[in-house]
Amino acid sequence: MRTADTWPIAANMLSFGSTAADGTPNLEAPAAAWRSQLQQVADLGFTDVDPTDAWLSIGEMSDVRFDELLVVLKEVGLSVPSVSTTRRSVVDAARGEDYLRFGHTIIDRAPALGAEVVNFGFMQALAPAQERALWFWLAEGHRDDLEDTENRDLAVRRIRELADHAAQVGVQVSLEMYEDTYIGTPDLAVRFLQDVDRDNVGLNPDLGNLVRLHREIEDIPTMFAKVLPHTNFWHIKNYTRDVDLATGAYATHPTPLVQGVVNYRVMIRQALEHGFDGVFVCEHYGSDSLGVAALNRDYIRGVLRSAGR
C-alpha cells in the first residue's frame, strides 16, 4: 500500500518547453541538455518526473536516443511513473495516424521507464489566437464535433487499440479531460470511458482545464463526484475563479493547490475513498511553474498524511 511518503508525485516538464537553452529542439538536443533540465527537477526534491511529449517526444526517439534518456534519468535519480501525451489527438485530422503510432511506441517503452500509466487526450495544437493570448485558454481552440459519430467511434476504437496493447505490457491508460473534446465534461468523459470498456482505462480528472475557462461551468464538487470513481491518474492544478454577475465578466488565474477555488483537501480524500492509488502529476502555468509544482507536491503529501496514508 502506498503511503504519503512513497506515493509517486511527479513534476511535469511542460515548464521547460520543447527546446534546449540554445533553441535546439529537445528531440535533437544532446543528452547533456536533458540532464540540465532534469537536474533542476531533482534539485527541488522531486524523485518522480513525467516526461511529457510536449518536452521530449519519447514516441519519436530512436532506440539509441531512448537509451541515452534512460541513462540520464538514472544519473539524476528520477523515476518515471507516468508518461503524458499533449495535444496529440489520435483522431487529429492531419496527423492522427502518426500520433496513434507514437502512442504505441510510448506504450512499448513504458516498462523500461518504469511507467505504470500513459496519458492520452483529444486536445489539439494551439490555434494562432491561442498562441498570441496571455493565457492560451482565453482564446478559441479546437472543438471536437460531438455530432460526428463516425469520428467519435474512431476515437473509441483507437483508444481501445492502445488499451489492449497497454494491457499486454502491464500498463494502464488514462484519458485527460479537456474542454470541447469528446471527454470535455464529466458526463461526456464517463460515457466515453464506458464505450471504450477496458479494465485498464480510467480518467484523468484534470478539471483545472475547465475551472480556468471564462465561461459558465458545472458546479465543481459535482464534477469531481462524477469522475473520481473512475480516476486512475491525475494531472493536478488549481486556479482562482471569479465572475462579476453585473457584467458577466470572468477572471481566472493559476494558483498553488492550497489557494485556488478547488478544495483539493476534500477532493483528494474523496478520491482515496473511491480507491484511488494512482500517480499525481503537478502542473502549473506562469511564474516559477516548477517551484509551484514543488509546493504542490508537499501539499499533496500533507493531505495524504492527514488521510492516514
Protein backbone atom coordinates (compact mmCIF):
# COMPACT_ATOMS: atom_id res chain seq x y z
CA MET A 1 0.00 0.00 0.00
CA ARG A 2 1.30 3.43 -0.92
CA THR A 3 2.00 5.87 1.87
CA ALA A 4 2.21 9.66 1.90
CA ASP A 5 5.99 9.41 1.74
CA THR A 6 6.19 6.84 -1.06
CA TRP A 7 3.29 7.98 -3.25
CA PRO A 8 4.51 8.87 -6.77
CA ILE A 9 4.04 12.62 -7.20
CA ALA A 10 5.74 13.74 -10.38
CA ALA A 11 6.81 17.04 -11.85
CA ASN A 12 5.57 17.78 -15.33
CA MET A 13 8.24 19.02 -17.76
CA LEU A 14 5.90 21.47 -19.52
CA SER A 15 7.64 24.46 -17.94
CA PHE A 16 10.81 23.75 -19.94
CA GLY A 17 9.07 23.82 -23.30
CA SER A 18 10.21 21.77 -26.26
CA THR A 19 13.69 23.20 -26.74
CA ALA A 20 17.06 23.31 -25.01
CA ALA A 21 18.51 26.60 -23.75
CA ASP A 22 20.09 27.34 -27.15
CA GLY A 23 16.84 26.77 -29.01
CA THR A 24 17.63 23.28 -30.27
CA PRO A 25 14.53 21.03 -30.24
CA ASN A 26 14.84 18.66 -27.31
CA LEU A 27 14.43 15.72 -29.65
CA GLU A 28 17.68 16.75 -31.35
CA ALA A 29 19.49 18.22 -28.34
CA PRO A 30 22.41 16.40 -26.68
CA ALA A 31 21.70 14.36 -23.58
CA ALA A 32 23.54 16.99 -21.54
CA ALA A 33 20.70 19.43 -22.27
CA TRP A 34 18.15 16.95 -20.94
CA ARG A 35 20.33 16.39 -17.89
CA SER A 36 20.48 20.12 -17.16
CA GLN A 37 16.69 20.41 -17.19
CA LEU A 38 16.02 17.22 -15.27
CA GLN A 39 18.60 18.16 -12.64
CA GLN A 40 16.54 21.24 -11.83
CA VAL A 41 13.61 18.94 -11.09
CA ALA A 42 15.73 16.72 -8.84
CA ASP A 43 17.22 19.75 -7.06
CA LEU A 44 13.73 20.68 -5.88
CA GLY A 45 13.39 17.34 -4.13
CA PHE A 46 11.36 15.52 -6.77
CA THR A 47 12.01 11.81 -7.14
CA ASP A 48 9.49 11.40 -9.98
CA VAL A 49 9.00 13.11 -13.32
CA ASP A 50 6.51 12.87 -16.19
CA PRO A 51 8.43 13.41 -19.45
CA THR A 52 5.51 14.73 -21.48
CA ASP A 53 5.97 14.72 -25.23
CA ALA A 54 5.50 18.50 -25.16
CA TRP A 55 9.01 18.41 -23.66
CA LEU A 56 10.58 15.34 -25.29
CA SER A 57 8.67 13.02 -27.61
CA ILE A 58 9.51 9.52 -26.41
CA GLY A 59 7.35 8.09 -29.17
CA GLU A 60 9.58 9.62 -31.84
CA MET A 61 13.02 8.88 -30.37
CA SER A 62 15.39 6.37 -31.87
CA ASP A 63 16.38 3.40 -29.73
CA VAL A 64 19.84 4.91 -29.25
CA ARG A 65 18.45 8.21 -28.00
CA PHE A 66 15.94 6.46 -25.77
CA ASP A 67 18.80 4.55 -24.14
CA GLU A 68 20.54 7.90 -23.57
CA LEU A 69 17.45 9.19 -21.79
CA LEU A 70 17.36 6.14 -19.52
CA VAL A 71 20.99 6.81 -18.56
CA VAL A 72 20.31 10.48 -17.80
CA LEU A 73 17.28 9.67 -15.66
CA LYS A 74 19.36 7.25 -13.63
CA GLU A 75 22.17 9.77 -13.25
CA VAL A 76 19.87 12.46 -11.83
CA GLY A 77 17.93 9.98 -9.70
CA LEU A 78 14.48 10.46 -11.21
CA SER A 79 11.86 7.76 -11.71
CA VAL A 80 9.16 7.90 -14.40
CA PRO A 81 5.83 6.61 -13.05
CA SER A 82 3.84 8.06 -15.97
CA VAL A 83 4.17 9.46 -19.48
CA SER A 84 1.73 12.08 -20.77
CA THR A 85 0.94 12.97 -24.35
CA THR A 86 -0.04 16.56 -25.04
CA ARG A 87 -2.02 17.96 -27.98
CA ARG A 88 -1.61 14.77 -29.96
CA SER A 89 -5.12 13.52 -30.53
CA VAL A 90 -5.29 10.12 -32.17
CA VAL A 91 -8.13 11.48 -34.30
CA ASP A 92 -6.34 14.66 -35.36
CA ALA A 93 -7.45 15.21 -38.96
CA ALA A 94 -3.91 15.77 -40.22
CA ARG A 95 -1.74 13.57 -38.02
CA GLY A 96 -4.00 11.21 -36.09
CA GLU A 97 -2.36 8.07 -37.50
CA ASP A 98 1.11 9.41 -36.62
CA TYR A 99 0.01 10.16 -33.08
CA LEU A 100 -1.52 6.71 -32.77
CA ARG A 101 1.78 5.18 -33.86
CA PHE A 102 3.73 7.34 -31.40
CA GLY A 103 1.32 6.24 -28.68
CA HIS A 104 2.09 2.60 -29.37
CA THR A 105 5.82 3.32 -29.16
CA ILE A 106 5.39 5.05 -25.80
CA ILE A 107 3.46 2.04 -24.50
CA ASP A 108 6.23 -0.28 -25.70
CA ARG A 109 8.81 1.82 -23.86
CA ALA A 110 6.78 2.39 -20.69
CA PRO A 111 8.06 -0.75 -18.91
CA ALA A 112 11.70 0.24 -19.49
CA LEU A 113 10.92 3.67 -17.99
CA GLY A 114 9.09 2.10 -15.08
CA ALA A 115 5.88 3.92 -16.07
CA GLU A 116 2.63 2.39 -14.88
CA VAL A 117 0.32 4.63 -16.92
CA VAL A 118 0.29 6.51 -20.23
CA ASN A 119 -1.98 9.54 -20.55
CA PHE A 120 -3.85 10.39 -23.77
CA GLY A 121 -6.24 13.20 -24.64
CA PHE A 122 -8.07 14.74 -27.57
CA MET A 123 -6.80 18.32 -27.30
CA GLN A 124 -5.13 19.53 -30.49
CA ALA A 125 -2.48 22.08 -31.48
CA LEU A 126 -2.98 25.63 -30.28
CA ALA A 127 -4.75 27.93 -32.70
CA PRO A 128 -2.90 31.15 -33.71
CA ALA A 129 -5.17 33.21 -31.46
CA GLN A 130 -4.31 30.94 -28.52
CA GLU A 131 -0.60 31.36 -29.17
CA ARG A 132 -1.00 35.15 -29.05
CA ALA A 133 -3.13 35.20 -25.89
CA LEU A 134 -1.69 35.89 -22.45
CA TRP A 135 -3.24 32.57 -21.37
CA PHE A 136 -4.00 30.20 -24.22
CA TRP A 137 -7.30 29.08 -22.69
CA LEU A 138 -8.73 32.58 -23.15
CA ALA A 139 -8.90 32.20 -26.94
CA GLU A 140 -10.98 29.83 -29.03
CA GLY A 141 -9.29 26.50 -29.74
CA HIS A 142 -10.08 23.20 -31.40
CA ARG A 143 -13.50 21.70 -30.78
CA ASP A 144 -14.37 18.06 -31.38
CA ASP A 145 -17.60 17.78 -33.35
CA LEU A 146 -19.84 15.93 -30.92
CA GLU A 147 -22.32 15.30 -33.73
CA ASP A 148 -19.70 13.48 -35.81
CA THR A 149 -20.47 9.98 -34.57
CA GLU A 150 -18.15 8.40 -37.14
CA ASN A 151 -15.12 10.27 -35.84
CA ARG A 152 -16.09 9.65 -32.22
CA ASP A 153 -16.38 5.93 -32.97
CA LEU A 154 -12.90 6.09 -34.48
CA ALA A 155 -11.64 7.73 -31.29
CA VAL A 156 -13.16 4.93 -29.21
CA ARG A 157 -11.61 2.25 -31.44
CA ARG A 158 -8.17 3.81 -31.34
CA ILE A 159 -8.20 4.17 -27.55
CA ARG A 160 -9.29 0.53 -27.30
CA GLU A 161 -6.38 -0.40 -29.57
CA LEU A 162 -3.93 1.45 -27.34
CA ALA A 163 -5.53 -0.01 -24.21
CA ASP A 164 -5.28 -3.58 -25.50
CA HIS A 165 -1.61 -3.03 -26.32
CA ALA A 166 -1.03 -1.48 -22.89
CA ALA A 167 -2.69 -4.44 -21.17
CA GLN A 168 -0.23 -6.77 -22.89
CA VAL A 169 2.72 -4.98 -21.24
CA GLY A 170 1.01 -4.35 -17.89
CA VAL A 171 0.37 -0.62 -18.33
CA GLN A 172 -2.74 1.48 -17.68
CA VAL A 173 -4.20 4.13 -19.97
CA SER A 174 -5.70 7.36 -18.67
CA LEU A 175 -7.85 9.82 -20.60
CA GLU A 176 -7.27 13.50 -19.90
CA MET A 177 -10.33 15.70 -19.60
CA TYR A 178 -10.10 18.88 -21.67
CA GLU A 179 -12.71 21.37 -22.76
CA ASP A 180 -14.60 20.98 -26.04
CA THR A 181 -13.32 17.46 -26.70
CA TYR A 182 -15.02 14.07 -26.64
CA ILE A 183 -14.18 13.98 -22.92
CA GLY A 184 -14.70 17.68 -22.27
CA THR A 185 -17.28 17.37 -19.46
CA PRO A 186 -17.72 14.80 -16.69
CA ASP A 187 -20.77 13.30 -18.36
CA LEU A 188 -19.03 13.05 -21.74
CA ALA A 189 -15.91 11.58 -20.15
CA VAL A 190 -17.76 8.88 -18.22
CA ARG A 191 -19.79 7.98 -21.29
CA PHE A 192 -16.67 7.73 -23.46
CA LEU A 193 -14.95 5.58 -20.83
CA GLN A 194 -17.93 3.25 -20.76
CA ASP A 195 -17.85 2.96 -24.55
CA VAL A 196 -14.13 2.10 -24.52
CA ASP A 197 -14.95 -0.62 -21.98
CA ARG A 198 -11.44 -1.69 -20.98
CA ASP A 199 -10.45 -2.53 -17.40
CA ASN A 200 -7.07 -0.83 -17.71
CA VAL A 201 -8.51 2.52 -18.84
CA GLY A 202 -9.55 5.29 -16.47
CA LEU A 203 -9.95 9.05 -16.32
CA ASN A 204 -7.50 11.84 -15.60
CA PRO A 205 -9.79 14.38 -13.84
CA ASP A 206 -7.76 17.42 -14.91
CA LEU A 207 -10.66 19.68 -14.06
CA GLY A 208 -8.34 22.65 -13.77
CA ASN A 209 -8.68 22.72 -17.55
CA LEU A 210 -12.36 23.55 -17.06
CA VAL A 211 -12.15 25.71 -13.93
CA ARG A 212 -9.89 28.23 -15.70
CA LEU A 213 -12.33 28.87 -18.56
CA HIS A 214 -14.02 32.26 -18.91
CA ARG A 215 -17.43 30.74 -19.28
CA GLU A 216 -20.09 29.08 -17.15
CA ILE A 217 -19.10 25.67 -15.81
CA GLU A 218 -20.80 22.94 -13.83
CA ASP A 219 -20.63 23.03 -10.04
CA ILE A 220 -17.08 21.98 -9.15
CA PRO A 221 -17.81 19.41 -6.39
CA THR A 222 -20.48 17.87 -8.62
CA MET A 223 -17.99 17.49 -11.46
CA PHE A 224 -15.50 15.73 -9.22
CA ALA A 225 -18.20 13.46 -7.78
CA LYS A 226 -18.91 12.17 -11.28
CA VAL A 227 -15.33 11.40 -12.30
CA LEU A 228 -13.42 10.46 -9.13
CA PRO A 229 -14.87 6.91 -9.07
CA HIS A 230 -13.22 6.37 -12.48
CA THR A 231 -9.89 8.10 -11.79
CA ASN A 232 -6.61 6.22 -12.30
CA PHE A 233 -4.20 9.14 -12.85
CA TRP A 234 -4.28 12.82 -12.01
CA HIS A 235 -2.87 16.00 -13.57
CA ILE A 236 -3.49 18.27 -10.62
CA LYS A 237 -3.56 22.08 -10.64
CA ASN A 238 -5.66 24.91 -9.29
CA TYR A 239 -6.94 28.35 -10.28
CA THR A 240 -8.70 31.30 -8.77
CA ARG A 241 -12.09 31.92 -10.37
CA ASP A 242 -14.40 34.90 -10.11
CA VAL A 243 -17.41 36.21 -12.02
CA ASP A 244 -18.95 39.67 -12.00
CA LEU A 245 -22.70 39.00 -12.07
CA ALA A 246 -23.40 42.57 -13.18
CA THR A 247 -21.32 42.32 -16.37
CA GLY A 248 -20.87 38.56 -16.83
CA ALA A 249 -17.09 39.02 -16.89
CA TYR A 250 -14.93 36.12 -15.65
CA ALA A 251 -11.45 36.22 -14.15
CA THR A 252 -9.21 33.20 -13.51
CA HIS A 253 -5.54 32.81 -12.68
CA PRO A 254 -3.20 29.87 -11.93
CA THR A 255 -2.53 29.37 -8.25
CA PRO A 256 -0.93 26.80 -5.91
CA LEU A 257 -3.25 23.97 -4.95
CA VAL A 258 -3.89 25.30 -1.46
CA GLN A 259 -5.05 28.72 -2.66
CA GLY A 260 -7.42 28.09 -5.58
CA VAL A 261 -11.14 27.63 -5.90
CA VAL A 262 -10.92 23.81 -5.84
CA ASN A 263 -10.65 22.43 -2.30
CA TYR A 264 -8.16 19.65 -3.02
CA ARG A 265 -8.01 18.57 0.61
CA VAL A 266 -11.58 17.40 0.14
CA MET A 267 -11.19 16.09 -3.41
CA ILE A 268 -8.08 14.02 -2.72
CA ARG A 269 -9.70 12.45 0.32
CA GLN A 270 -12.79 11.63 -1.73
CA ALA A 271 -10.62 10.04 -4.41
CA LEU A 272 -8.95 7.87 -1.78
CA GLU A 273 -12.37 6.76 -0.55
CA HIS A 274 -13.07 5.56 -4.08
CA GLY A 275 -9.84 3.55 -4.05
CA PHE A 276 -7.59 5.91 -6.00
CA ASP A 277 -3.93 4.89 -5.76
CA GLY A 278 -2.59 6.39 -8.99
CA VAL A 279 0.15 8.83 -9.88
CA PHE A 280 -0.21 12.56 -9.27
CA VAL A 281 1.46 14.91 -11.75
CA CYS A 282 1.86 18.51 -10.58
CA GLU A 283 1.16 21.12 -13.25
CA HIS A 284 1.20 24.92 -13.11
CA TYR A 285 1.28 27.75 -15.64
CA GLY A 286 3.04 31.08 -15.32
CA SER A 287 5.59 32.35 -12.76
CA ASP A 288 8.01 29.69 -11.48
CA SER A 289 5.92 26.74 -12.59
CA LEU A 290 8.41 24.19 -11.34
CA GLY A 291 8.73 25.88 -7.95
CA VAL A 292 4.95 25.91 -7.54
CA ALA A 293 4.87 22.22 -8.52
CA ALA A 294 7.25 21.51 -5.62
CA LEU A 295 4.93 23.38 -3.23
CA ASN A 296 2.01 21.37 -4.58
CA ARG A 297 3.88 18.09 -4.11
CA ASP A 298 4.42 18.87 -0.44
CA TYR A 299 0.78 19.92 -0.05
CA ILE A 300 -0.42 16.62 -1.56
CA ARG A 301 1.82 14.62 0.76
CA GLY A 302 0.38 16.55 3.70
CA VAL A 303 -3.18 15.79 2.61
CA LEU A 304 -2.33 12.11 2.14
CA ARG A 305 -0.75 12.02 5.58
CA SER A 306 -3.79 13.65 7.18
CA ALA A 307 -5.93 10.97 5.49
CA GLY A 308 -3.94 8.25 7.25
CA ARG A 309 -1.72 7.25 4.34
